[in-house]
Amino acid sequence: MRFREHRTPVRVLKLSIMAFACVFLAGCSLKESATETAASQPSIPTQISSVTAYGEGNYIETCRAKNVPIPPDWKRSSSEWESHGNLKTILLTPNSLEQTPVDETSFASIWSYAPSQGRGACIALGRNGGSFQIICQNATTGHACFWGNDPSPAESTWTPATTEIPITALRDPVRGFSPGTAACTECHRGNNAFLYAPDDPTWATVLRPEHPRSTFTTRVEQSTHQGHATFGSTTITYPRFIPVGGKSMILDNPLSTTTGCSGSCHELHIEILKKNHTVEGYVRAPRPMGPSCAENSPADDPTRNCYER
């Protein structure tokens, strides 16, 4: 994400916050306006892919048929859901890595679930604003499913005191998410469904666990949907996740056509990295995960080792 050099500090701050406003929200509602397009685009293809998975009726069964992990009901006391604690830096409301504790306005807690068979991951996130989302993804096909609560009514609002949430109590693309929200993949696009800042110490325990689980990985190892990104003289091809949508919310994962985190966190992370520092009027933001972010990443990918301890 490259901003015009003549923009004022206030303008840069506003754009930086907008760029990160769609992170890990199953019902993300902010889109980047065409007027926010940067002066120069990164070298990323602009073709649109129409690959998507569509389901009706029982969303859980549609996801299961695509080999997406189906998690047990979320319980704070469950041994199946591993707690990772609270995020120290959050793309939604960027702060400093040195800021302790995290500002209450950006409070978020993370849990992960390893499937009992196959390979993949489920990640649950609860925010202080009352929202609670679960994203599950299959590693070998790239299919991913989304669930989220409606934080408006008191009876479905998540709080740090919440002890249990049945998966069937959450909304999905078949039932429809909370009113006024946009499709999940307006924000969650790229090489996997999870928008991480791999240099955050809490996300690090997900990506680089001290005790790895044999079936757990947040990577997409292969899929029928391919993306491309260029780093210097190196162009890489990488699998992209395939979202499972529904009759109320059609989901797809097109290749990036605009700058900013709204729809392109994974592809455009190197542009974001260039602004990942503190200057007057700019909020230091954590770097998002790159499009390959693994052993096949080119040497100049700044997050190439995000899966390595």
Protein backbone atom coordinates (compact mmCIF):
# COMPACT_ATOMS: atom_id res chain seq x y z
CA MET A 1 0.00 0.00 0.00
CA ARG A 2 1.72 3.15 -1.17
CA PHE A 3 0.33 6.57 -0.32
CA ARG A 4 0.96 9.75 -2.29
CA GLU A 5 3.85 11.63 -0.76
CA HIS A 6 2.02 14.96 -0.59
CA ARG A 7 -0.80 13.67 1.62
CA THR A 8 -0.98 15.22 5.05
CA PRO A 9 -0.22 13.19 8.21
CA VAL A 10 -3.92 13.25 9.12
CA ARG A 11 -4.83 11.94 5.69
CA VAL A 12 -2.23 9.17 5.92
CA LEU A 13 -3.52 8.17 9.35
CA LYS A 14 -7.08 8.00 8.06
CA LEU A 15 -6.09 5.81 5.12
CA SER A 16 -3.97 3.53 7.26
CA ILE A 17 -6.87 2.83 9.59
CA MET A 18 -9.23 2.22 6.65
CA ALA A 19 -6.72 -0.15 5.08
CA PHE A 20 -6.76 -2.39 8.14
CA ALA A 21 -10.44 -2.07 8.99
CA CYS A 22 -11.44 -5.41 7.48
CA VAL A 23 -9.39 -7.90 9.44
CA PHE A 24 -10.78 -11.18 10.76
CA LEU A 25 -14.37 -9.96 10.70
CA ALA A 26 -16.78 -12.50 9.29
CA GLY A 27 -19.19 -9.64 8.55
CA CYS A 28 -16.75 -6.97 7.45
CA SER A 29 -18.61 -3.92 6.15
CA LEU A 30 -15.89 -1.48 5.06
CA LYS A 31 -14.73 -1.31 1.46
CA GLU A 32 -11.93 0.81 0.07
CA SER A 33 -13.22 3.54 -2.20
CA ALA A 34 -11.87 3.85 -5.72
CA THR A 35 -10.68 7.33 -4.75
CA GLU A 36 -8.17 5.71 -2.37
CA THR A 37 -6.25 4.01 -5.19
CA ALA A 38 -2.54 4.56 -4.86
CA ALA A 39 -0.37 6.36 -7.39
CA SER A 40 1.38 3.16 -8.47
CA GLN A 41 0.19 -0.44 -8.26
CA PRO A 42 2.35 -3.35 -7.09
CA SER A 43 3.17 -5.93 -9.76
CA ILE A 44 0.24 -8.23 -9.07
CA PRO A 45 -2.08 -9.55 -11.81
CA THR A 46 -5.44 -7.83 -12.06
CA GLN A 47 -7.50 -10.63 -13.62
CA ILE A 48 -10.57 -11.67 -11.65
CA SER A 49 -11.17 -15.31 -10.80
CA SER A 50 -14.69 -16.60 -10.35
CA VAL A 51 -13.75 -19.74 -8.40
CA THR A 52 -16.20 -20.19 -5.55
CA ALA A 53 -18.03 -22.95 -3.70
CA TYR A 54 -21.76 -22.55 -3.25
CA GLY A 55 -24.09 -24.29 -0.85
CA GLU A 56 -27.69 -24.19 0.31
CA GLY A 57 -29.60 -25.71 3.19
CA ASN A 58 -27.39 -26.90 6.02
CA TYR A 59 -24.17 -24.88 5.81
CA ILE A 60 -22.29 -27.17 8.19
CA GLU A 61 -23.04 -30.18 6.01
CA THR A 62 -21.97 -28.30 2.88
CA CYS A 63 -18.68 -27.45 4.58
CA ARG A 64 -18.25 -31.02 5.78
CA ALA A 65 -18.77 -32.26 2.20
CA LYS A 66 -15.88 -29.99 1.13
CA ASN A 67 -13.71 -31.55 3.87
CA VAL A 68 -13.63 -28.32 5.84
CA PRO A 69 -12.98 -29.04 9.54
CA ILE A 70 -16.15 -28.71 11.61
CA PRO A 71 -15.24 -27.66 15.13
CA PRO A 72 -16.97 -28.69 18.34
CA ASP A 73 -18.98 -26.07 20.19
CA TRP A 74 -16.67 -23.40 21.53
CA LYS A 75 -16.20 -23.73 25.28
CA ARG A 76 -13.73 -21.72 27.30
CA SER A 77 -12.95 -24.82 29.37
CA SER A 78 -12.64 -27.19 26.39
CA SER A 79 -9.34 -28.98 25.84
CA GLU A 80 -10.15 -29.18 22.11
CA TRP A 81 -10.04 -25.38 21.76
CA GLU A 82 -6.52 -24.17 22.55
CA SER A 83 -6.34 -20.69 24.02
CA HIS A 84 -3.64 -18.34 22.71
CA GLY A 85 -4.53 -15.31 24.81
CA ASN A 86 -5.05 -11.75 23.62
CA LEU A 87 -3.55 -10.11 20.57
CA LYS A 88 -0.82 -7.58 21.23
CA THR A 89 -1.18 -5.90 17.84
CA ILE A 90 -4.34 -5.86 15.77
CA LEU A 91 -4.65 -4.95 12.11
CA LEU A 92 -8.11 -3.52 12.72
CA THR A 93 -6.82 -0.86 15.11
CA PRO A 94 -3.04 -0.76 14.64
CA ASN A 95 -0.96 0.00 17.68
CA SER A 96 2.65 -0.35 18.73
CA LEU A 97 4.23 -3.70 19.52
CA GLU A 98 5.56 -2.02 22.64
CA GLN A 99 2.09 -0.94 23.79
CA THR A 100 1.19 -2.97 26.88
CA PRO A 101 -1.50 -3.78 27.63
CA VAL A 102 -3.44 -3.62 24.38
CA ASP A 103 -5.92 -0.77 24.34
CA GLU A 104 -9.37 -1.97 25.40
CA THR A 105 -10.87 -0.67 22.16
CA SER A 106 -8.88 -3.30 20.27
CA PHE A 107 -9.23 -6.20 22.70
CA ALA A 108 -9.38 -9.62 21.03
CA SER A 109 -8.88 -13.19 22.24
CA ILE A 110 -7.78 -16.11 20.06
CA TRP A 111 -8.44 -19.87 20.17
CA SER A 112 -7.51 -22.62 17.71
CA TYR A 113 -8.87 -26.08 16.96
CA ALA A 114 -7.00 -28.92 15.23
CA PRO A 115 -9.20 -31.27 13.16
CA SER A 116 -9.44 -34.86 14.33
CA GLN A 117 -8.66 -36.07 10.81
CA GLY A 118 -7.32 -34.54 7.64
CA ARG A 119 -5.31 -31.30 7.79
CA GLY A 120 -6.45 -27.77 8.38
CA ALA A 121 -7.40 -25.37 11.12
CA CYS A 122 -10.22 -23.55 12.86
CA ILE A 123 -9.58 -20.17 14.48
CA ALA A 124 -12.02 -18.46 16.84
CA LEU A 125 -11.80 -14.78 17.73
CA GLY A 126 -13.81 -12.84 20.31
CA ARG A 127 -13.69 -9.04 20.46
CA ASN A 128 -14.52 -6.63 23.22
CA GLY A 129 -17.20 -5.12 20.93
CA GLY A 130 -19.25 -8.31 21.34
CA SER A 131 -18.44 -10.04 18.06
CA PHE A 132 -17.34 -13.68 17.87
CA GLN A 133 -16.23 -15.42 14.69
CA ILE A 134 -14.93 -18.83 13.65
CA ILE A 135 -13.13 -19.55 10.38
CA CYS A 136 -12.24 -23.11 9.37
CA GLN A 137 -10.09 -24.13 6.42
CA ASN A 138 -8.96 -27.37 4.77
CA ALA A 139 -5.23 -27.42 4.02
CA THR A 140 -5.26 -29.83 1.10
CA THR A 141 -8.12 -28.29 -0.93
CA GLY A 142 -8.24 -24.71 0.36
CA HIS A 143 -11.98 -24.72 1.03
CA ALA A 144 -12.92 -22.47 3.97
CA CYS A 145 -16.09 -21.71 5.91
CA PHE A 146 -17.15 -18.72 8.02
CA TRP A 147 -19.38 -18.36 11.06
CA GLY A 148 -20.18 -15.31 13.19
CA ASN A 149 -22.57 -14.11 15.87
CA ASP A 150 -24.89 -11.12 15.81
CA PRO A 151 -23.35 -8.86 18.48
CA SER A 152 -26.36 -6.54 18.67
CA PRO A 153 -28.77 -8.50 20.91
CA ALA A 154 -27.53 -8.98 24.47
CA GLU A 155 -28.28 -12.71 24.35
CA SER A 156 -25.83 -13.32 21.49
CA THR A 157 -23.12 -10.83 22.41
CA TRP A 158 -19.73 -12.32 23.24
CA THR A 159 -17.91 -11.08 26.35
CA PRO A 160 -14.79 -12.28 28.21
CA ALA A 161 -17.21 -13.91 30.66
CA THR A 162 -18.89 -16.05 27.97
CA THR A 163 -18.27 -19.72 28.65
CA GLU A 164 -19.89 -21.53 25.70
CA ILE A 165 -21.13 -20.86 22.15
CA PRO A 166 -22.71 -23.68 20.11
CA ILE A 167 -21.59 -23.68 16.49
CA THR A 168 -25.25 -23.97 15.46
CA ALA A 169 -26.01 -20.69 17.25
CA LEU A 170 -23.72 -18.75 14.90
CA ARG A 171 -24.80 -17.24 11.60
CA ASP A 172 -23.29 -18.23 8.25
CA PRO A 173 -23.50 -17.37 4.53
CA VAL A 174 -26.66 -19.47 4.12
CA ARG A 175 -28.53 -17.93 7.04
CA GLY A 176 -26.96 -14.55 6.42
CA PHE A 177 -24.76 -12.54 8.76
CA SER A 178 -25.77 -9.51 10.80
CA PRO A 179 -27.71 -6.85 8.87
CA GLY A 180 -25.62 -4.23 7.12
CA THR A 181 -22.50 -6.38 6.72
CA ALA A 182 -20.68 -7.27 3.53
CA ALA A 183 -19.40 -10.62 2.27
CA CYS A 184 -16.55 -12.08 4.37
CA THR A 185 -14.26 -12.20 1.36
CA GLU A 186 -14.44 -8.46 0.84
CA CYS A 187 -11.66 -8.64 3.43
CA HIS A 188 -10.55 -12.26 3.71
CA ARG A 189 -8.84 -12.93 0.41
CA GLY A 190 -5.52 -14.35 -0.62
CA ASN A 191 -3.55 -17.49 0.05
CA ASN A 192 -5.58 -18.48 3.09
CA ALA A 193 -8.69 -17.32 4.91
CA PHE A 194 -6.82 -16.07 7.98
CA LEU A 195 -5.54 -12.49 8.08
CA TYR A 196 -2.56 -12.67 10.43
CA ALA A 197 0.16 -10.33 11.55
CA PRO A 198 2.89 -12.98 11.92
CA ASP A 199 5.14 -10.72 13.99
CA ASP A 200 2.48 -10.43 16.70
CA PRO A 201 3.55 -12.61 19.66
CA THR A 202 0.07 -14.11 20.08
CA TRP A 203 -0.33 -15.00 16.41
CA ALA A 204 3.19 -16.45 16.62
CA THR A 205 1.92 -19.15 18.98
CA VAL A 206 -0.60 -20.14 16.29
CA LEU A 207 1.84 -20.08 13.37
CA ARG A 208 4.90 -21.34 15.25
CA PRO A 209 3.57 -23.48 18.13
CA GLU A 210 5.92 -24.82 20.73
CA HIS A 211 4.19 -28.21 20.48
CA PRO A 212 2.93 -28.71 16.89
CA ARG A 213 -0.28 -30.65 16.31
CA SER A 214 -0.01 -33.17 13.46
CA THR A 215 -3.29 -32.20 11.77
CA PHE A 216 -3.09 -28.46 12.42
CA THR A 217 -1.92 -25.96 9.82
CA THR A 218 -3.20 -22.59 8.67
CA ARG A 219 -1.59 -22.97 5.24
CA VAL A 220 -3.36 -23.86 2.02
CA GLU A 221 -1.07 -26.50 0.60
CA GLN A 222 -2.84 -26.87 -2.73
CA SER A 223 -6.05 -25.78 -4.42
CA THR A 224 -7.59 -25.37 -7.86
CA HIS A 225 -7.43 -21.59 -7.43
CA GLN A 226 -4.00 -20.02 -8.07
CA GLY A 227 -2.57 -16.57 -7.40
CA HIS A 228 0.62 -14.77 -8.38
CA ALA A 229 2.85 -12.19 -6.70
CA THR A 230 6.13 -10.57 -7.67
CA PHE A 231 8.98 -9.76 -5.30
CA GLY A 232 11.81 -7.98 -7.10
CA SER A 233 12.72 -10.25 -10.01
CA THR A 234 10.93 -13.29 -8.57
CA THR A 235 7.31 -14.16 -9.40
CA ILE A 236 5.68 -16.89 -7.34
CA THR A 237 2.51 -18.89 -7.95
CA TYR A 238 0.62 -19.94 -4.85
CA PRO A 239 -2.69 -21.66 -4.00
CA ARG A 240 -5.58 -19.50 -2.84
CA PHE A 241 -8.34 -20.57 -0.48
CA ILE A 242 -11.82 -21.25 -1.85
CA PRO A 243 -14.61 -19.81 0.33
CA VAL A 244 -17.84 -21.75 0.76
CA GLY A 245 -20.75 -19.33 0.39
CA GLY A 246 -24.52 -19.68 0.45
CA LYS A 247 -27.79 -18.36 -0.86
CA SER A 248 -27.70 -15.31 1.41
CA MET A 249 -24.04 -14.47 0.83
CA ILE A 250 -22.12 -15.50 -2.28
CA LEU A 251 -18.40 -15.65 -1.47
CA ASP A 252 -15.44 -15.64 -3.84
CA ASN A 253 -11.71 -14.93 -3.66
CA PRO A 254 -10.69 -12.76 -6.63
CA LEU A 255 -7.11 -11.74 -7.24
CA SER A 256 -6.26 -8.27 -6.02
CA THR A 257 -7.12 -5.29 -8.16
CA THR A 258 -6.70 -2.46 -5.65
CA THR A 259 -4.27 -1.44 -2.97
CA GLY A 260 -5.04 -1.50 0.73
CA CYS A 261 -5.98 -4.30 3.06
CA SER A 262 -9.60 -4.36 1.89
CA GLY A 263 -9.37 -7.53 -0.13
CA SER A 264 -5.63 -7.79 -0.58
CA CYS A 265 -3.77 -8.10 2.73
CA HIS A 266 -1.90 -11.20 1.64
CA GLU A 267 -0.92 -10.03 -1.82
CA LEU A 268 0.06 -6.45 -1.00
CA HIS A 269 1.83 -6.96 2.31
CA ILE A 270 5.19 -5.75 1.00
CA GLU A 271 3.65 -2.37 0.20
CA ILE A 272 2.24 -2.22 3.72
CA LEU A 273 5.64 -3.10 5.13
CA LYS A 274 7.12 0.01 3.53
CA LYS A 275 4.90 2.08 5.82
CA ASN A 276 5.49 -0.14 8.85
CA HIS A 277 7.28 2.49 10.91
CA THR A 278 6.44 5.42 13.14
CA VAL A 279 6.46 8.91 11.68
CA GLU A 280 4.50 11.97 12.65
CA GLY A 281 0.83 11.35 11.98
CA TYR A 282 1.18 7.64 11.17
CA VAL A 283 0.26 4.65 13.34
CA ARG A 284 2.75 1.81 13.35
CA ALA A 285 0.98 -1.23 11.99
CA PRO A 286 1.93 -4.92 12.16
CA ARG A 287 2.77 -6.60 8.88
CA PRO A 288 0.19 -9.02 7.44
CA MET A 289 1.10 -12.50 6.30
CA GLY A 290 2.54 -12.67 2.80
CA PRO A 291 1.14 -14.66 -0.13
CA SER A 292 3.58 -17.55 0.23
CA CYS A 293 5.00 -17.08 3.72
CA ALA A 294 6.69 -20.47 3.75
CA GLU A 295 9.77 -22.31 2.56
CA ASN A 296 9.05 -21.42 -1.08
CA SER A 297 8.95 -17.66 -0.50
CA PRO A 298 11.53 -15.60 -2.36
CA ALA A 299 14.43 -14.23 -0.35
CA ASP A 300 13.06 -10.68 -0.36
CA ASP A 301 9.64 -11.63 1.03
CA PRO A 302 9.76 -9.90 4.45
CA THR A 303 7.51 -12.49 6.08
CA ARG A 304 8.95 -15.59 4.42
CA ASN A 305 9.77 -17.28 7.74
CA CYS A 306 6.45 -16.74 9.46
CA TYR A 307 5.93 -20.51 9.94
CA GLU A 308 9.44 -21.12 11.27
CA ARG A 309 10.45 -20.91 14.92
